[in-house]
Amino acid sequence: MREVCVHEIRYMGDELLESIKGHVHGDPAKDKFVDIAMAAMRKSDYRRATNAILDSYMMDDTHPEEEQALTDMLASTPAGVSVSEIEAIADRWYQMFKAGELLPEHFRITKKQLKRLIREAVREEWMSQGPSKEQKMYDEIVKTLEFSAEMGGGSADAAFLVMAVNQVHKDLKAEDIHSFLDRMVEDGELRLDPRTQELSLTR
């Protein structure tokens, strides 16, 4: 079976997106590409995870910048990323690749933009599966801070936000909400005032 060239793959349909769920060489006795990618992600081997995804698409003549874009997207994911989230990120990368947006002459991306792409891909996955724990926390944190802004504030400390989320979603653990707040700060969605230790939305 011949390899698919880049100029052909850019115009192929959505059936290729199922490739990542397939087995190496199409042999059910061999590992699935997504399992290889997940094992690599757990070891922070983002290059191997990238190769597993590209192999699933039978791609061997991509530009180095296109491959690096996928590696950077995978490296920017939070710890404990799920299979469905990896599939969503691979799908987002593939759509950008198919549109030619990752070619060297077009692709210029900052770390902030990269994190936004990851958030959008993962959030789309959350929404497709119904409200997840992360989506519930995100929605309530944003709602609380937006209400605070309407009241003339716009910021709150972590303890208040944890309490606000817990009042609506009593099934969520306080430590999970604290960890999620830290992730939102790291991703640039929340700003931490070092003087007051209060959090506010960056947008």
Protein backbone atom coordinates (compact mmCIF):
# COMPACT_ATOMS: atom_id res chain seq x y z
CA MET A 1 0.00 0.00 0.00
CA ARG A 2 1.48 3.32 -1.04
CA GLU A 3 1.93 6.31 1.26
CA VAL A 4 -0.49 9.20 0.88
CA CYS A 5 1.21 12.40 -0.21
CA VAL A 6 0.58 15.75 1.46
CA HIS A 7 -1.04 17.32 -1.59
CA GLU A 8 -3.56 14.45 -1.68
CA ILE A 9 -4.32 14.35 2.03
CA ARG A 10 -5.26 18.01 2.17
CA TYR A 11 -8.37 17.22 0.13
CA MET A 12 -9.43 13.92 1.69
CA GLY A 13 -12.59 13.62 3.75
CA ASP A 14 -13.32 13.02 7.39
CA GLU A 15 -12.81 9.27 7.08
CA LEU A 16 -9.10 9.82 7.64
CA LEU A 17 -9.80 11.19 11.09
CA GLU A 18 -10.74 7.67 12.22
CA SER A 19 -7.20 6.50 11.40
CA ILE A 20 -5.80 7.35 14.83
CA LYS A 21 -8.14 4.73 16.33
CA GLY A 22 -6.81 2.07 13.98
CA HIS A 23 -4.18 -0.60 14.59
CA VAL A 24 -0.58 -0.61 13.36
CA HIS A 25 -0.49 -2.19 9.86
CA GLY A 26 -4.25 -2.70 10.20
CA ASP A 27 -3.56 -5.76 12.38
CA PRO A 28 -5.96 -6.07 15.35
CA ALA A 29 -3.24 -8.00 17.19
CA LYS A 30 -1.02 -4.90 17.16
CA ASP A 31 -1.35 -1.74 19.24
CA LYS A 32 -3.71 1.07 18.29
CA PHE A 33 -2.01 4.28 17.21
CA VAL A 34 -3.88 6.22 19.89
CA ASP A 35 -2.62 3.81 22.57
CA ILE A 36 0.95 4.32 21.38
CA ALA A 37 0.41 8.08 21.51
CA MET A 38 -1.08 7.90 25.03
CA ALA A 39 1.81 5.76 26.33
CA ALA A 40 4.24 8.32 24.91
CA MET A 41 2.26 11.20 26.47
CA ARG A 42 2.48 9.58 29.91
CA LYS A 43 6.28 9.59 29.51
CA SER A 44 6.26 13.17 28.16
CA ASP A 45 7.68 11.81 24.91
CA TYR A 46 5.79 14.23 22.68
CA ARG A 47 7.87 13.46 19.60
CA ARG A 48 6.90 9.77 19.76
CA ALA A 49 3.27 10.74 20.31
CA THR A 50 3.51 12.98 17.23
CA ASN A 51 4.99 10.16 15.17
CA ALA A 52 2.19 7.79 16.22
CA ILE A 53 -0.44 10.27 15.03
CA LEU A 54 1.37 10.96 11.76
CA ASP A 55 1.85 7.23 11.18
CA SER A 56 -1.88 6.69 11.68
CA TYR A 57 -2.51 9.17 8.87
CA MET A 58 0.23 7.50 6.75
CA MET A 59 2.01 10.84 6.43
CA ASP A 60 5.75 10.86 5.79
CA ASP A 61 6.45 14.06 3.84
CA THR A 62 5.13 16.81 6.08
CA HIS A 63 7.16 19.96 6.63
CA PRO A 64 9.23 20.00 9.84
CA GLU A 65 7.25 23.05 10.97
CA GLU A 66 3.98 21.14 10.56
CA GLU A 67 5.26 18.24 12.65
CA GLN A 68 6.64 20.64 15.27
CA ALA A 69 3.24 22.33 15.52
CA LEU A 70 1.65 19.01 16.48
CA THR A 71 4.45 18.28 18.96
CA ASP A 72 4.00 21.71 20.55
CA MET A 73 0.24 21.22 20.81
CA LEU A 74 0.72 17.86 22.55
CA ALA A 75 3.41 19.27 24.85
CA SER A 76 1.05 22.05 25.95
CA THR A 77 -1.64 19.69 27.24
CA PRO A 78 -2.19 19.42 31.00
CA ALA A 79 -1.15 16.34 32.92
CA GLY A 80 -3.65 13.50 32.79
CA VAL A 81 -4.98 14.37 29.34
CA SER A 82 -7.56 11.84 28.17
CA VAL A 83 -7.75 9.75 25.00
CA SER A 84 -10.70 11.78 23.71
CA GLU A 85 -8.79 15.02 24.33
CA ILE A 86 -5.78 13.71 22.39
CA GLU A 87 -8.11 12.74 19.56
CA ALA A 88 -9.62 16.26 19.64
CA ILE A 89 -6.15 17.84 19.48
CA ALA A 90 -5.11 15.56 16.61
CA ASP A 91 -8.34 16.50 14.83
CA ARG A 92 -7.70 20.24 15.34
CA TRP A 93 -4.13 19.86 14.04
CA TYR A 94 -5.35 17.88 11.05
CA GLN A 95 -7.92 20.54 10.14
CA MET A 96 -5.23 23.23 10.30
CA PHE A 97 -2.88 21.03 8.28
CA LYS A 98 -5.52 20.30 5.64
CA ALA A 99 -6.17 24.05 5.29
CA GLY A 100 -2.46 24.72 4.77
CA GLU A 101 -2.31 26.88 7.91
CA LEU A 102 0.79 25.12 9.26
CA LEU A 103 3.04 25.69 6.26
CA PRO A 104 6.23 27.65 7.07
CA GLU A 105 5.11 30.74 5.18
CA HIS A 106 1.80 30.88 7.11
CA PHE A 107 2.47 29.40 10.51
CA ARG A 108 3.55 31.92 13.14
CA ILE A 109 2.16 31.15 16.57
CA THR A 110 2.90 32.42 20.05
CA LYS A 111 2.74 30.34 23.23
CA LYS A 112 -0.44 32.19 24.21
CA GLN A 113 -2.08 31.34 20.88
CA LEU A 114 -0.94 27.74 21.20
CA LYS A 115 -2.54 27.40 24.62
CA ARG A 116 -5.74 28.92 23.25
CA LEU A 117 -5.83 26.32 20.48
CA ILE A 118 -5.43 23.53 23.03
CA ARG A 119 -8.18 24.98 25.24
CA GLU A 120 -10.55 25.31 22.29
CA ALA A 121 -9.92 21.76 21.08
CA VAL A 122 -10.35 20.26 24.55
CA ARG A 123 -13.38 22.43 25.36
CA GLU A 124 -15.07 21.31 22.13
CA GLU A 125 -14.50 17.74 23.26
CA TRP A 126 -16.03 18.51 26.67
CA MET A 127 -19.11 20.03 25.05
CA SER A 128 -19.60 17.09 22.69
CA GLN A 129 -19.75 14.72 25.67
CA GLY A 130 -21.98 16.89 27.86
CA PRO A 131 -20.89 18.90 30.91
CA SER A 132 -17.73 17.36 32.36
CA LYS A 133 -16.19 18.10 35.74
CA GLU A 134 -13.77 20.53 34.09
CA GLN A 135 -16.52 22.25 32.13
CA LYS A 136 -18.63 22.70 35.27
CA MET A 137 -15.70 24.27 37.11
CA TYR A 138 -14.78 26.52 34.19
CA ASP A 139 -18.34 27.78 33.69
CA GLU A 140 -18.93 28.54 37.37
CA ILE A 141 -15.55 30.28 37.84
CA VAL A 142 -16.12 32.50 34.80
CA LYS A 143 -19.71 33.22 35.85
CA THR A 144 -18.62 34.20 39.37
CA LEU A 145 -15.86 36.54 38.18
CA GLU A 146 -18.07 38.11 35.51
CA PHE A 147 -20.75 38.78 38.14
CA SER A 148 -18.07 40.28 40.39
CA ALA A 149 -17.03 42.57 37.53
CA GLU A 150 -20.64 43.70 37.07
CA MET A 151 -20.74 44.58 40.76
CA GLY A 152 -17.64 46.75 40.36
CA GLY A 153 -15.07 44.20 41.50
CA GLY A 154 -13.90 41.66 38.96
CA SER A 155 -11.61 39.62 41.18
CA ALA A 156 -11.84 37.11 44.03
CA ASP A 157 -9.49 34.95 46.01
CA ALA A 158 -9.17 31.22 45.41
CA ALA A 159 -11.05 30.27 48.59
CA PHE A 160 -14.09 32.31 47.53
CA LEU A 161 -14.09 30.78 44.03
CA VAL A 162 -13.80 27.26 45.44
CA MET A 163 -16.77 27.98 47.72
CA ALA A 164 -18.78 29.43 44.82
CA VAL A 165 -18.20 26.36 42.66
CA ASN A 166 -18.95 24.00 45.56
CA GLN A 167 -22.26 25.71 46.31
CA VAL A 168 -23.49 24.83 42.82
CA HIS A 169 -21.63 21.53 42.31
CA LYS A 170 -21.36 19.83 45.67
CA ASP A 171 -19.90 16.70 44.06
CA LEU A 172 -16.66 18.50 43.16
CA LYS A 173 -13.71 18.26 45.54
CA ALA A 174 -12.08 21.45 46.81
CA GLU A 175 -8.59 20.22 45.89
CA ASP A 176 -9.72 19.56 42.31
CA ILE A 177 -11.10 23.10 42.04
CA HIS A 178 -7.86 24.56 43.44
CA SER A 179 -5.86 22.54 40.88
CA PHE A 180 -8.14 23.72 38.09
CA LEU A 181 -7.67 27.35 39.17
CA ASP A 182 -3.89 26.85 39.05
CA ARG A 183 -4.22 25.44 35.54
CA MET A 184 -6.30 28.42 34.41
CA VAL A 185 -3.59 30.77 35.72
CA GLU A 186 -0.90 28.74 33.97
CA ASP A 187 -2.90 28.78 30.72
CA GLY A 188 -3.31 32.55 30.92
CA GLU A 189 -7.08 32.51 31.41
CA LEU A 190 -6.84 33.91 34.94
CA ARG A 191 -4.53 36.59 36.27
CA LEU A 192 -3.16 36.31 39.82
CA ASP A 193 -2.46 39.60 41.59
CA PRO A 194 0.74 38.91 43.58
CA ARG A 195 -0.12 41.65 46.06
CA THR A 196 -3.71 40.71 46.93
CA GLN A 197 -3.55 37.06 45.82
CA GLU A 198 -6.87 37.61 44.03
CA LEU A 199 -7.76 36.10 40.67
CA SER A 200 -9.40 37.85 37.73
CA LEU A 201 -10.25 37.02 34.11
CA THR A 202 -7.63 38.00 31.56
CA ARG A 203 -10.18 38.72 28.83
